[in-house]
Amino acid sequence: MSGIYARQGGRPVGRIAVIAASAALVSATALLVAPTPAQASPPTPIAASTARTYLGQLTVRAEGSTSGYSRDLFPHWITQSGACDTRETVLKRDGTNVVTNSSCSATSGRWYSEYDGATWTLASDVDIDHMVPLAEAWTSGASGWSTSQRQSFANDLGNPQLIAVTDNVNQSKSDRDPAEWMPPRTAYHCMYARMWVDVKHAYNLSVDSAEKSKLQSVLNGC
């Protein structure tokens, strides 16, 4: 039977070896091009140890009044690049294989919600959650900010403040702090507490006593 040979180091290599090498190459290539799993990816927050330190540095006081609060005082979603606003930017960042049209609207993709472990293929099923809700920020110090400062907070891509999650889970969270609401997926509690403290520390927002106690409890278990 005629054979196909390659040469390696000046010696002939049998047909079987060539086929095996080719198969290995194909397999490796398949691994390289296989789509990565959907994974929400806001900026990595501070470590739990740092979060515990930062939490101790936050001012503890009772929540302020919601008097005068309006979401309109935190302008969002603003243009980030070209036709893409903050929402569409986070959808692309946190999704997998996201396809957008000329208006930057997501027409297809996959989004994994860290809060509840659900995966969605329609952007309409996904909300962009403000880790520290706008009303919570208002009662924790943002009521004294300028509109420009509140706009930066509401569209912050540099801190772990925005994350794509299941819409009705985000709606169940509403404006509640960790003493009142935590993600249904308990495996995310440590990350959630780290993100929350990271954002509050970055913006010098206060915490109330129940909020601090819950965050301490979670972070001590990280």
N, C-alpha and C. Protein backbone atom coordinates (compact mmCIF):
# COMPACT_ATOMS: atom_id res chain seq x y z
N MET A 1 0.86 -1.17 0.00
CA MET A 1 0.00 0.00 0.00
C MET A 1 0.90 1.22 0.00
N SER A 2 0.56 2.14 -0.86
CA SER A 2 1.37 3.34 -0.93
C SER A 2 1.09 4.19 0.29
N GLY A 3 2.07 4.90 0.77
CA GLY A 3 1.92 5.72 1.97
C GLY A 3 2.22 7.17 1.67
N ILE A 4 1.75 8.01 2.56
CA ILE A 4 2.05 9.43 2.49
C ILE A 4 2.99 9.72 3.65
N TYR A 5 4.10 10.32 3.35
CA TYR A 5 5.11 10.54 4.36
C TYR A 5 5.47 12.02 4.48
N ALA A 6 5.83 12.40 5.69
CA ALA A 6 6.44 13.71 5.92
C ALA A 6 7.83 13.42 6.45
N ARG A 7 8.64 14.44 6.59
CA ARG A 7 9.97 14.24 7.13
C ARG A 7 10.12 15.08 8.39
N GLN A 8 10.69 14.47 9.40
CA GLN A 8 10.91 15.15 10.66
C GLN A 8 12.34 14.86 11.11
N GLY A 9 13.17 15.91 11.18
CA GLY A 9 14.55 15.73 11.58
C GLY A 9 15.30 14.84 10.62
N GLY A 10 14.91 14.85 9.31
CA GLY A 10 15.60 14.07 8.31
C GLY A 10 15.12 12.64 8.22
N ARG A 11 14.17 12.22 9.08
CA ARG A 11 13.67 10.86 9.06
C ARG A 11 12.23 10.84 8.58
N PRO A 12 11.83 9.84 7.80
CA PRO A 12 10.44 9.77 7.35
C PRO A 12 9.51 9.51 8.52
N VAL A 13 8.34 10.14 8.48
CA VAL A 13 7.33 9.91 9.49
C VAL A 13 6.15 9.23 8.81
N GLY A 14 5.65 8.16 9.39
CA GLY A 14 4.60 7.37 8.78
C GLY A 14 3.29 8.13 8.58
N ARG A 15 2.47 7.58 7.68
CA ARG A 15 1.19 8.21 7.37
C ARG A 15 0.32 8.35 8.60
N ILE A 16 0.31 7.34 9.47
CA ILE A 16 -0.54 7.39 10.66
C ILE A 16 -0.13 8.54 11.56
N ALA A 17 1.19 8.75 11.68
CA ALA A 17 1.66 9.84 12.53
C ALA A 17 1.24 11.18 11.97
N VAL A 18 1.30 11.30 10.63
CA VAL A 18 0.90 12.55 9.99
C VAL A 18 -0.58 12.83 10.24
N ILE A 19 -1.42 11.78 10.07
CA ILE A 19 -2.85 11.93 10.28
C ILE A 19 -3.14 12.31 11.73
N ALA A 20 -2.43 11.68 12.67
CA ALA A 20 -2.64 11.98 14.08
C ALA A 20 -2.27 13.42 14.39
N ALA A 21 -1.16 13.87 13.82
CA ALA A 21 -0.72 15.24 14.05
C ALA A 21 -1.73 16.22 13.48
N SER A 22 -2.26 15.88 12.28
CA SER A 22 -3.25 16.75 11.65
C SER A 22 -4.51 16.84 12.49
N ALA A 23 -4.95 15.71 13.02
CA ALA A 23 -6.15 15.68 13.84
C ALA A 23 -5.97 16.51 15.10
N ALA A 24 -4.77 16.42 15.68
CA ALA A 24 -4.49 17.20 16.88
C ALA A 24 -4.54 18.69 16.58
N LEU A 25 -4.00 19.05 15.39
CA LEU A 25 -4.01 20.45 15.00
C LEU A 25 -5.43 20.96 14.81
N VAL A 26 -6.28 20.15 14.15
CA VAL A 26 -7.67 20.52 13.94
C VAL A 26 -8.39 20.69 15.28
N SER A 27 -8.12 19.74 16.21
CA SER A 27 -8.75 19.80 17.52
C SER A 27 -8.35 21.06 18.26
N ALA A 28 -7.05 21.38 18.21
CA ALA A 28 -6.57 22.58 18.89
C ALA A 28 -7.17 23.83 18.29
N THR A 29 -7.29 23.83 16.94
CA THR A 29 -7.87 24.99 16.27
C THR A 29 -9.32 25.17 16.68
N ALA A 30 -10.05 24.05 16.80
CA ALA A 30 -11.46 24.12 17.19
C ALA A 30 -11.60 24.72 18.58
N LEU A 31 -10.64 24.37 19.46
CA LEU A 31 -10.69 24.93 20.79
C LEU A 31 -10.47 26.43 20.78
N LEU A 32 -9.60 26.88 19.87
CA LEU A 32 -9.29 28.29 19.80
C LEU A 32 -10.46 29.12 19.30
N VAL A 33 -11.23 28.57 18.38
CA VAL A 33 -12.31 29.35 17.77
C VAL A 33 -13.66 29.10 18.41
N ALA A 34 -13.74 28.16 19.35
CA ALA A 34 -15.02 27.89 20.00
C ALA A 34 -15.47 29.13 20.76
N PRO A 35 -16.76 29.46 20.71
CA PRO A 35 -17.25 30.65 21.41
C PRO A 35 -17.07 30.51 22.91
N THR A 36 -16.69 31.58 23.55
CA THR A 36 -16.54 31.57 24.99
C THR A 36 -17.91 31.64 25.65
N PRO A 37 -18.04 31.08 26.85
CA PRO A 37 -19.35 31.13 27.52
C PRO A 37 -19.72 32.55 27.87
N ALA A 38 -21.04 32.80 27.90
CA ALA A 38 -21.53 34.14 28.26
C ALA A 38 -21.09 34.46 29.68
N GLN A 39 -20.62 35.65 29.89
CA GLN A 39 -20.11 36.02 31.20
C GLN A 39 -20.18 37.53 31.38
N ALA A 40 -20.96 37.97 32.36
CA ALA A 40 -21.01 39.40 32.65
C ALA A 40 -19.64 39.84 33.13
N SER A 41 -19.19 41.00 32.70
CA SER A 41 -17.82 41.39 33.02
C SER A 41 -17.66 42.87 33.29
N PRO A 42 -18.29 43.38 34.36
CA PRO A 42 -17.96 44.74 34.75
C PRO A 42 -16.54 44.77 35.27
N PRO A 43 -15.94 45.95 35.45
CA PRO A 43 -14.57 46.01 35.98
C PRO A 43 -14.45 45.20 37.27
N THR A 44 -13.35 44.48 37.42
CA THR A 44 -13.14 43.66 38.62
C THR A 44 -13.08 44.55 39.86
N PRO A 45 -13.89 44.25 40.86
CA PRO A 45 -13.89 45.09 42.06
C PRO A 45 -12.69 44.80 42.96
N ILE A 46 -12.58 45.57 44.01
CA ILE A 46 -11.54 45.37 45.00
C ILE A 46 -11.69 43.99 45.65
N ALA A 47 -10.59 43.48 46.19
CA ALA A 47 -10.61 42.20 46.89
C ALA A 47 -11.44 42.31 48.16
N ALA A 48 -11.87 41.17 48.68
CA ALA A 48 -12.70 41.17 49.90
C ALA A 48 -11.97 41.83 51.07
N SER A 49 -10.68 41.58 51.19
CA SER A 49 -9.91 42.18 52.28
C SER A 49 -9.90 43.70 52.17
N THR A 50 -9.74 44.20 50.94
CA THR A 50 -9.76 45.64 50.72
C THR A 50 -11.15 46.19 50.97
N ALA A 51 -12.16 45.43 50.56
CA ALA A 51 -13.55 45.86 50.77
C ALA A 51 -13.84 46.00 52.26
N ARG A 52 -13.32 45.09 53.07
CA ARG A 52 -13.53 45.19 54.51
C ARG A 52 -12.89 46.46 55.06
N THR A 53 -11.70 46.77 54.54
CA THR A 53 -11.02 48.00 54.97
C THR A 53 -11.80 49.23 54.53
N TYR A 54 -12.22 49.25 53.26
CA TYR A 54 -12.96 50.39 52.73
C TYR A 54 -14.28 50.58 53.46
N LEU A 55 -14.94 49.48 53.78
CA LEU A 55 -16.22 49.57 54.48
C LEU A 55 -16.05 50.28 55.82
N GLY A 56 -14.93 50.00 56.49
CA GLY A 56 -14.66 50.64 57.76
C GLY A 56 -14.38 52.12 57.63
N GLN A 57 -14.07 52.56 56.42
CA GLN A 57 -13.78 53.97 56.18
C GLN A 57 -15.01 54.78 55.78
N LEU A 58 -16.09 54.10 55.43
CA LEU A 58 -17.29 54.80 54.99
C LEU A 58 -18.02 55.44 56.17
N THR A 59 -18.59 56.60 55.93
CA THR A 59 -19.38 57.28 56.96
C THR A 59 -20.67 56.50 57.20
N VAL A 60 -20.98 56.25 58.46
CA VAL A 60 -22.21 55.56 58.83
C VAL A 60 -23.21 56.60 59.32
N ARG A 61 -24.35 56.65 58.64
CA ARG A 61 -25.42 57.56 59.07
C ARG A 61 -26.74 57.07 58.48
N ALA A 62 -27.81 57.54 59.08
CA ALA A 62 -29.14 57.16 58.58
C ALA A 62 -29.33 57.70 57.17
N GLU A 63 -30.07 56.95 56.37
CA GLU A 63 -30.32 57.40 55.00
C GLU A 63 -31.04 58.73 55.00
N GLY A 64 -30.67 59.56 54.05
CA GLY A 64 -31.32 60.85 53.92
C GLY A 64 -32.69 60.73 53.29
N SER A 65 -33.33 61.84 53.10
CA SER A 65 -34.68 61.88 52.52
C SER A 65 -34.63 61.71 51.01
N THR A 66 -35.69 61.11 50.47
CA THR A 66 -35.82 61.02 49.01
C THR A 66 -36.50 62.26 48.43
N SER A 67 -36.78 63.23 49.27
CA SER A 67 -37.41 64.47 48.81
C SER A 67 -36.58 65.12 47.71
N GLY A 68 -37.23 65.44 46.62
CA GLY A 68 -36.55 66.08 45.50
C GLY A 68 -35.91 65.11 44.53
N TYR A 69 -35.91 63.80 44.87
CA TYR A 69 -35.27 62.82 43.99
C TYR A 69 -36.06 62.60 42.71
N SER A 70 -35.32 62.46 41.61
CA SER A 70 -35.88 62.07 40.32
C SER A 70 -34.77 61.40 39.51
N ARG A 71 -35.13 60.35 38.79
CA ARG A 71 -34.14 59.70 37.94
C ARG A 71 -33.61 60.66 36.88
N ASP A 72 -34.42 61.66 36.54
CA ASP A 72 -33.99 62.64 35.54
C ASP A 72 -32.81 63.46 36.03
N LEU A 73 -32.56 63.46 37.33
CA LEU A 73 -31.42 64.19 37.88
C LEU A 73 -30.12 63.42 37.71
N PHE A 74 -30.23 62.17 37.21
CA PHE A 74 -29.07 61.31 36.90
C PHE A 74 -29.15 60.98 35.40
N PRO A 75 -28.83 61.92 34.51
CA PRO A 75 -29.04 61.69 33.07
C PRO A 75 -28.36 60.41 32.56
N HIS A 76 -29.13 59.54 31.95
CA HIS A 76 -28.63 58.31 31.35
C HIS A 76 -29.68 57.85 30.33
N TRP A 77 -29.40 57.09 29.33
CA TRP A 77 -28.05 56.63 29.00
C TRP A 77 -27.42 57.62 28.02
N ILE A 78 -26.18 58.02 28.28
CA ILE A 78 -25.53 59.00 27.42
C ILE A 78 -24.72 58.30 26.33
N THR A 79 -24.37 59.04 25.29
CA THR A 79 -23.56 58.49 24.20
C THR A 79 -22.15 58.21 24.71
N GLN A 80 -21.67 57.01 24.40
CA GLN A 80 -20.32 56.61 24.80
C GLN A 80 -19.35 56.66 23.63
N SER A 81 -19.80 56.18 22.47
CA SER A 81 -18.94 56.14 21.29
C SER A 81 -19.80 55.95 20.05
N GLY A 82 -19.63 56.85 19.07
CA GLY A 82 -20.42 56.74 17.85
C GLY A 82 -21.90 56.78 18.15
N ALA A 83 -22.61 55.72 17.71
CA ALA A 83 -24.05 55.65 17.96
C ALA A 83 -24.38 54.89 19.24
N CYS A 84 -23.37 54.47 19.97
CA CYS A 84 -23.57 53.59 21.13
C CYS A 84 -23.73 54.38 22.43
N ASP A 85 -24.86 54.16 23.10
CA ASP A 85 -25.04 54.77 24.41
C ASP A 85 -24.54 53.81 25.49
N THR A 86 -24.69 54.20 26.74
CA THR A 86 -24.15 53.39 27.83
C THR A 86 -24.79 52.02 27.90
N ARG A 87 -26.10 51.96 27.72
CA ARG A 87 -26.77 50.65 27.78
C ARG A 87 -26.22 49.70 26.73
N GLU A 88 -26.13 50.17 25.50
CA GLU A 88 -25.66 49.29 24.43
C GLU A 88 -24.20 48.92 24.63
N THR A 89 -23.42 49.83 25.19
CA THR A 89 -22.02 49.54 25.46
C THR A 89 -21.88 48.42 26.49
N VAL A 90 -22.71 48.45 27.54
CA VAL A 90 -22.66 47.40 28.56
C VAL A 90 -23.21 46.08 28.01
N LEU A 91 -24.24 46.15 27.18
CA LEU A 91 -24.75 44.92 26.56
C LEU A 91 -23.67 44.23 25.75
N LYS A 92 -22.90 45.00 25.01
CA LYS A 92 -21.81 44.41 24.21
C LYS A 92 -20.70 43.90 25.11
N ARG A 93 -20.39 44.63 26.15
CA ARG A 93 -19.32 44.24 27.07
C ARG A 93 -19.65 42.96 27.82
N ASP A 94 -20.87 42.87 28.31
CA ASP A 94 -21.25 41.76 29.17
C ASP A 94 -21.80 40.55 28.42
N GLY A 95 -22.06 40.69 27.13
CA GLY A 95 -22.64 39.59 26.36
C GLY A 95 -21.61 38.79 25.60
N THR A 96 -22.09 37.77 24.94
CA THR A 96 -21.27 36.91 24.09
C THR A 96 -21.86 36.91 22.69
N ASN A 97 -20.99 37.04 21.69
CA ASN A 97 -21.41 37.03 20.28
C ASN A 97 -22.53 38.05 20.02
N VAL A 98 -22.37 39.23 20.58
CA VAL A 98 -23.38 40.28 20.42
C VAL A 98 -23.26 40.93 19.04
N VAL A 99 -24.37 40.99 18.34
CA VAL A 99 -24.43 41.63 17.01
C VAL A 99 -25.29 42.88 17.15
N THR A 100 -24.81 43.98 16.59
CA THR A 100 -25.56 45.23 16.66
C THR A 100 -25.85 45.75 15.27
N ASN A 101 -26.89 46.59 15.16
CA ASN A 101 -27.21 47.20 13.87
C ASN A 101 -26.52 48.56 13.75
N SER A 102 -26.87 49.30 12.73
CA SER A 102 -26.21 50.58 12.48
C SER A 102 -26.49 51.61 13.57
N SER A 103 -27.53 51.38 14.37
CA SER A 103 -27.86 52.27 15.47
C SER A 103 -27.24 51.80 16.78
N CYS A 104 -26.45 50.75 16.71
CA CYS A 104 -25.78 50.14 17.86
C CYS A 104 -26.72 49.36 18.76
N SER A 105 -27.95 49.12 18.32
CA SER A 105 -28.88 48.29 19.09
C SER A 105 -28.51 46.82 18.93
N ALA A 106 -28.50 46.09 20.02
CA ALA A 106 -28.17 44.66 19.97
C ALA A 106 -29.30 43.88 19.32
N THR A 107 -28.99 43.20 18.21
CA THR A 107 -30.00 42.42 17.50
C THR A 107 -29.93 40.94 17.84
N SER A 108 -28.80 40.50 18.36
CA SER A 108 -28.67 39.11 18.80
C SER A 108 -27.48 39.01 19.75
N GLY A 109 -27.42 37.88 20.45
CA GLY A 109 -26.34 37.65 21.40
C GLY A 109 -26.82 36.78 22.54
N ARG A 110 -25.94 36.59 23.52
CA ARG A 110 -26.29 35.82 24.72
C ARG A 110 -25.80 36.59 25.93
N TRP A 111 -26.66 36.64 26.95
CA TRP A 111 -26.31 37.35 28.18
C TRP A 111 -26.56 36.46 29.38
N TYR A 112 -25.53 36.28 30.19
CA TYR A 112 -25.64 35.49 31.41
C TYR A 112 -25.82 36.46 32.58
N SER A 113 -26.88 36.28 33.33
CA SER A 113 -27.18 37.14 34.47
C SER A 113 -26.57 36.55 35.74
N GLU A 114 -25.57 37.25 36.28
CA GLU A 114 -24.89 36.77 37.49
C GLU A 114 -25.83 36.75 38.69
N TYR A 115 -26.85 37.56 38.68
CA TYR A 115 -27.74 37.64 39.84
C TYR A 115 -28.56 36.38 40.05
N ASP A 116 -28.98 35.74 38.94
CA ASP A 116 -29.85 34.57 39.08
C ASP A 116 -29.41 33.36 38.27
N GLY A 117 -28.33 33.48 37.50
CA GLY A 117 -27.82 32.36 36.73
C GLY A 117 -28.58 32.07 35.45
N ALA A 118 -29.44 32.98 35.02
CA ALA A 118 -30.21 32.77 33.79
C ALA A 118 -29.43 33.30 32.58
N THR A 119 -29.67 32.69 31.42
CA THR A 119 -29.06 33.14 30.18
C THR A 119 -30.15 33.58 29.22
N TRP A 120 -29.97 34.72 28.57
CA TRP A 120 -30.97 35.30 27.69
C TRP A 120 -30.39 35.55 26.30
N THR A 121 -31.26 35.45 25.30
CA THR A 121 -30.83 35.69 23.93
C THR A 121 -31.52 36.90 23.32
N LEU A 122 -32.37 37.56 24.07
CA LEU A 122 -33.01 38.80 23.63
C LEU A 122 -32.57 39.93 24.53
N ALA A 123 -32.05 40.99 23.94
CA ALA A 123 -31.60 42.13 24.74
C ALA A 123 -32.74 42.74 25.55
N SER A 124 -33.96 42.60 25.08
CA SER A 124 -35.11 43.15 25.79
C SER A 124 -35.37 42.46 27.12
N ASP A 125 -34.78 41.27 27.32
CA ASP A 125 -34.92 40.54 28.58
C ASP A 125 -33.86 40.95 29.59
N VAL A 126 -32.99 41.87 29.20
CA VAL A 126 -31.84 42.24 30.03
C VAL A 126 -31.93 43.72 30.43
N ASP A 127 -31.73 43.98 31.70
CA ASP A 127 -31.62 45.34 32.21
C ASP A 127 -30.16 45.63 32.53
N ILE A 128 -29.79 46.90 32.51
CA ILE A 128 -28.49 47.31 33.01
C ILE A 128 -28.70 47.84 34.42
N ASP A 129 -28.24 47.09 35.39
CA ASP A 129 -28.44 47.47 36.79
C ASP A 129 -27.38 48.46 37.25
N HIS A 130 -27.81 49.48 37.97
CA HIS A 130 -26.88 50.32 38.71
C HIS A 130 -26.60 49.59 40.02
N MET A 131 -25.37 49.14 40.21
CA MET A 131 -25.03 48.41 41.42
C MET A 131 -25.53 49.16 42.65
N VAL A 132 -25.11 50.41 42.81
CA VAL A 132 -25.70 51.27 43.83
C VAL A 132 -26.81 52.05 43.13
N PRO A 133 -28.07 51.74 43.44
CA PRO A 133 -29.18 52.38 42.74
C PRO A 133 -29.14 53.90 42.86
N LEU A 134 -29.75 54.55 41.89
CA LEU A 134 -29.71 56.01 41.85
C LEU A 134 -30.38 56.63 43.08
N ALA A 135 -31.52 56.11 43.48
CA ALA A 135 -32.20 56.65 44.65
C ALA A 135 -31.40 56.39 45.92
N GLU A 136 -30.74 55.23 45.99
CA GLU A 136 -29.89 54.91 47.13
C GLU A 136 -28.71 55.89 47.20
N ALA A 137 -28.15 56.20 46.04
CA ALA A 137 -27.06 57.17 45.99
C ALA A 137 -27.55 58.54 46.45
N TRP A 138 -28.75 58.89 46.03
CA TRP A 138 -29.34 60.20 46.40
C TRP A 138 -29.42 60.34 47.92
N THR A 139 -29.89 59.29 48.59
CA THR A 139 -30.05 59.36 50.04
C THR A 139 -28.74 59.11 50.79
N SER A 140 -27.67 58.81 50.05
CA SER A 140 -26.37 58.54 50.67
C SER A 140 -25.34 59.63 50.38
N GLY A 141 -25.79 60.72 49.74
CA GLY A 141 -24.88 61.83 49.49
C GLY A 141 -24.99 62.48 48.14
N ALA A 142 -25.56 61.78 47.15
CA ALA A 142 -25.61 62.31 45.79
C ALA A 142 -26.59 63.47 45.64
N SER A 143 -27.45 63.68 46.64
CA SER A 143 -28.38 64.81 46.56
C SER A 143 -27.63 66.14 46.54
N GLY A 144 -26.42 66.13 47.03
CA GLY A 144 -25.61 67.36 47.05
C GLY A 144 -24.68 67.50 45.87
N TRP A 145 -24.73 66.54 44.94
CA TRP A 145 -23.86 66.61 43.76
C TRP A 145 -24.45 67.54 42.70
N SER A 146 -23.58 67.88 41.75
CA SER A 146 -24.04 68.59 40.56
C SER A 146 -24.67 67.58 39.60
N THR A 147 -25.43 68.06 38.64
CA THR A 147 -26.03 67.17 37.64
C THR A 147 -24.94 66.46 36.86
N SER A 148 -23.84 67.13 36.59
CA SER A 148 -22.72 66.52 35.87
C SER A 148 -22.14 65.35 36.65
N GLN A 149 -22.00 65.51 37.96
CA GLN A 149 -21.49 64.42 38.80
C GLN A 149 -22.46 63.24 38.82
N ARG A 150 -23.74 63.54 38.88
CA ARG A 150 -24.74 62.46 38.89
C ARG A 150 -24.78 61.75 37.55
N GLN A 151 -24.57 62.48 36.46
CA GLN A 151 -24.51 61.85 35.14
C GLN A 151 -23.33 60.90 35.04
N SER A 152 -22.20 61.30 35.55
CA SER A 152 -21.01 60.44 35.54
C SER A 152 -21.26 59.17 36.33
N PHE A 153 -21.92 59.30 37.47
CA PHE A 153 -22.24 58.15 38.31
C PHE A 153 -23.18 57.18 37.60
N ALA A 154 -24.19 57.72 36.94
CA ALA A 154 -25.21 56.90 36.30
C ALA A 154 -24.71 56.20 35.04
N ASN A 155 -23.57 56.63 34.51
CA ASN A 155 -23.04 56.05 33.27
C ASN A 155 -21.61 55.55 33.45
N ASP A 156 -21.24 55.23 34.69
CA ASP A 156 -19.86 54.90 35.03
C ASP A 156 -19.45 53.51 34.52
N LEU A 157 -18.52 53.51 33.57
CA LEU A 157 -18.00 52.25 33.03
C LEU A 157 -16.65 51.89 33.65
N GLY A 158 -16.07 52.80 34.41
CA GLY A 158 -14.75 52.58 34.98
C GLY A 158 -14.76 51.88 36.33
N ASN A 159 -15.87 51.96 37.03
CA ASN A 159 -16.05 51.26 38.30
C ASN A 159 -17.10 50.16 38.11
N PRO A 160 -17.18 49.20 39.05
CA PRO A 160 -18.15 48.10 38.90
C PRO A 160 -19.57 48.54 39.27
N GLN A 161 -20.07 49.56 38.59
CA GLN A 161 -21.36 50.16 38.90
C GLN A 161 -22.47 49.69 37.97
N LEU A 162 -22.12 49.17 36.79
CA LEU A 162 -23.12 48.77 35.80
C LEU A 162 -22.93 47.31 35.43
N ILE A 163 -24.03 46.56 35.37
CA ILE A 163 -23.95 45.14 35.02
C ILE A 163 -25.26 44.70 34.36
N ALA A 164 -25.15 43.89 33.31
CA ALA A 164 -26.31 43.38 32.59
C ALA A 164 -26.89 42.17 33.34
N VAL A 165 -28.17 42.26 33.69
CA VAL A 165 -28.82 41.18 34.46
C VAL A 165 -30.26 40.99 33.99
N THR A 166 -30.88 39.91 34.44
CA THR A 166 -32.28 39.63 34.12
C THR A 166 -33.16 40.80 34.53
N ASP A 167 -34.03 41.24 33.61
CA ASP A 167 -34.79 42.46 33.86
C ASP A 167 -35.67 42.39 35.11
N ASN A 168 -36.43 41.29 35.28
CA ASN A 168 -37.34 41.28 36.43
C ASN A 168 -36.61 41.10 37.76
N VAL A 169 -35.40 40.53 37.71
CA VAL A 169 -34.59 40.44 38.93
C VAL A 169 -34.11 41.84 39.31
N ASN A 170 -33.69 42.59 38.32
CA ASN A 170 -33.28 43.96 38.58
C ASN A 170 -34.44 44.79 39.13
N GLN A 171 -35.62 44.54 38.59
CA GLN A 171 -36.80 45.28 39.05
C GLN A 171 -37.16 44.88 40.48
N SER A 172 -36.91 43.63 40.85
CA SER A 172 -37.19 43.22 42.23
C SER A 172 -36.21 43.86 43.20
N LYS A 173 -35.01 44.13 42.74
CA LYS A 173 -34.03 44.84 43.57
C LYS A 173 -34.48 46.26 43.82
N SER A 174 -34.96 46.92 42.77
CA SER A 174 -35.42 48.30 42.84
C SER A 174 -34.32 49.19 43.42
N ASP A 175 -34.62 49.94 44.48
CA ASP A 175 -33.66 50.87 45.06
C ASP A 175 -33.11 50.38 46.39
N ARG A 176 -33.24 49.08 46.65
CA ARG A 176 -32.89 48.54 47.96
C ARG A 176 -31.39 48.30 48.12
N ASP A 177 -30.91 48.48 49.35
CA ASP A 177 -29.50 48.22 49.64
C ASP A 177 -29.32 46.77 50.09
N PRO A 178 -28.08 46.31 50.33
CA PRO A 178 -27.85 44.89 50.66
C PRO A 178 -28.54 44.41 51.93
N ALA A 179 -28.89 45.30 52.85
CA ALA A 179 -29.61 44.87 54.05
C ALA A 179 -31.04 44.46 53.70
N GLU A 180 -31.52 44.95 52.56
CA GLU A 180 -32.90 44.71 52.14
C GLU A 180 -33.02 43.76 50.95
N TRP A 181 -31.93 43.61 50.19
CA TRP A 181 -31.97 42.76 49.00
C TRP A 181 -30.57 42.29 48.64
N MET A 182 -30.48 41.01 48.31
CA MET A 182 -29.25 40.44 47.75
C MET A 182 -29.64 39.58 46.56
N PRO A 183 -28.73 39.36 45.62
CA PRO A 183 -29.07 38.53 44.45
C PRO A 183 -29.55 37.14 44.87
N PRO A 184 -30.54 36.59 44.18
CA PRO A 184 -31.02 35.25 44.52
C PRO A 184 -29.95 34.18 44.39
N ARG A 185 -28.96 34.41 43.55
CA ARG A 185 -27.85 33.45 43.39
C ARG A 185 -26.81 33.73 44.48
N THR A 186 -26.80 32.90 45.50
CA THR A 186 -25.95 33.15 46.67
C THR A 186 -24.46 33.11 46.33
N ALA A 187 -24.09 32.38 45.29
CA ALA A 187 -22.68 32.29 44.91
C ALA A 187 -22.12 33.65 44.48
N TYR A 188 -23.02 34.61 44.20
CA TYR A 188 -22.57 35.93 43.77
C TYR A 188 -22.56 36.95 44.91
N HIS A 189 -22.93 36.55 46.10
CA HIS A 189 -23.04 37.50 47.19
C HIS A 189 -21.71 38.18 47.53
N CYS A 190 -20.64 37.41 47.55
CA CYS A 190 -19.34 37.99 47.87
C CYS A 190 -18.95 39.04 46.83
N MET A 191 -19.08 38.69 45.57
CA MET A 191 -18.76 39.64 44.50
C MET A 191 -19.66 40.87 44.58
N TYR A 192 -20.92 40.66 44.88
CA TYR A 192 -21.87 41.77 44.97
C TYR A 192 -21.46 42.74 46.08
N ALA A 193 -21.10 42.21 47.23
CA ALA A 193 -20.68 43.06 48.35
C ALA A 193 -19.41 43.82 48.01
N ARG A 194 -18.46 43.15 47.35
CA ARG A 194 -17.22 43.82 46.95
C ARG A 194 -17.50 44.97 45.98
N MET A 195 -18.39 44.73 45.03
CA MET A 195 -18.74 45.76 44.06
C MET A 195 -19.43 46.93 44.74
N TRP A 196 -20.37 46.62 45.62
CA TRP A 196 -21.14 47.66 46.31
C TRP A 196 -20.21 48.59 47.10
N VAL A 197 -19.32 48.00 47.90
CA VAL A 197 -18.40 48.79 48.71
C VAL A 197 -17.43 49.56 47.83
N ASP A 198 -16.96 48.95 46.76
CA ASP A 198 -16.05 49.61 45.83
C ASP A 198 -16.68 50.90 45.30
N VAL A 199 -17.93 50.81 44.86
CA VAL A 199 -18.61 51.98 44.30
C VAL A 199 -18.87 53.03 45.37
N LYS A 200 -19.37 52.61 46.52
CA LYS A 200 -19.66 53.58 47.57
C LYS A 200 -18.38 54.31 48.02
N HIS A 201 -17.29 53.57 48.10
CA HIS A 201 -16.02 54.18 48.51
C HIS A 201 -15.52 55.14 47.44
N ALA A 202 -15.65 54.75 46.17
CA ALA A 202 -15.17 55.59 45.07
C ALA A 202 -15.89 56.93 45.05
N TYR A 203 -17.16 56.93 45.44
CA TYR A 203 -17.96 58.16 45.39
C TYR A 203 -18.20 58.78 46.77
N ASN A 204 -17.54 58.23 47.79
CA ASN A 204 -17.65 58.75 49.15
C ASN A 204 -19.11 58.84 49.61
N LEU A 205 -19.85 57.79 49.33
CA LEU A 205 -21.24 57.71 49.75
C LEU A 205 -21.31 57.04 51.12
N SER A 206 -22.29 57.41 51.91
CA SER A 206 -22.44 56.86 53.25
C SER A 206 -23.16 55.51 53.22
N VAL A 207 -23.13 54.83 54.36
CA VAL A 207 -23.89 53.59 54.54
C VAL A 207 -24.70 53.74 55.83
N ASP A 208 -25.86 53.09 55.89
CA ASP A 208 -26.58 53.09 57.16
C ASP A 208 -26.13 51.87 57.97
N SER A 209 -26.51 51.81 59.23
CA SER A 209 -25.97 50.78 60.11
C SER A 209 -26.37 49.37 59.68
N ALA A 210 -27.62 49.18 59.24
CA ALA A 210 -28.06 47.85 58.80
C ALA A 210 -27.33 47.43 57.53
N GLU A 211 -27.13 48.36 56.64
CA GLU A 211 -26.40 48.10 55.39
C GLU A 211 -24.97 47.68 55.70
N LYS A 212 -24.32 48.41 56.59
CA LYS A 212 -22.94 48.08 56.94
C LYS A 212 -22.85 46.71 57.59
N SER A 213 -23.79 46.41 58.48
CA SER A 213 -23.78 45.12 59.17
C SER A 213 -23.92 43.97 58.18
N LYS A 214 -24.81 44.10 57.21
CA LYS A 214 -25.00 43.05 56.21
C LYS A 214 -23.74 42.90 55.36
N LEU A 215 -23.16 43.99 54.93
CA LEU A 215 -21.95 43.93 54.12
C LEU A 215 -20.80 43.29 54.90
N GLN A 216 -20.66 43.64 56.16
CA GLN A 216 -19.62 43.02 57.00
C GLN A 216 -19.80 41.52 57.08
N SER A 217 -21.05 41.10 57.28
CA SER A 217 -21.34 39.68 57.39
C SER A 217 -20.98 38.92 56.12
N VAL A 218 -21.34 39.49 54.98
CA VAL A 218 -21.04 38.85 53.70
C VAL A 218 -19.53 38.82 53.46
N LEU A 219 -18.89 39.95 53.65
CA LEU A 219 -17.46 40.03 53.36
C LEU A 219 -16.63 39.16 54.31
N ASN A 220 -17.07 38.99 55.53
CA ASN A 220 -16.35 38.12 56.46
C ASN A 220 -16.40 36.66 56.04
N GLY A 221 -17.38 36.32 55.20
CA GLY A 221 -17.49 34.95 54.71
C GLY A 221 -16.83 34.73 53.37
N CYS A 222 -16.22 35.77 52.81
CA CYS A 222 -15.60 35.65 51.49
C CYS A 222 -14.23 34.95 51.57
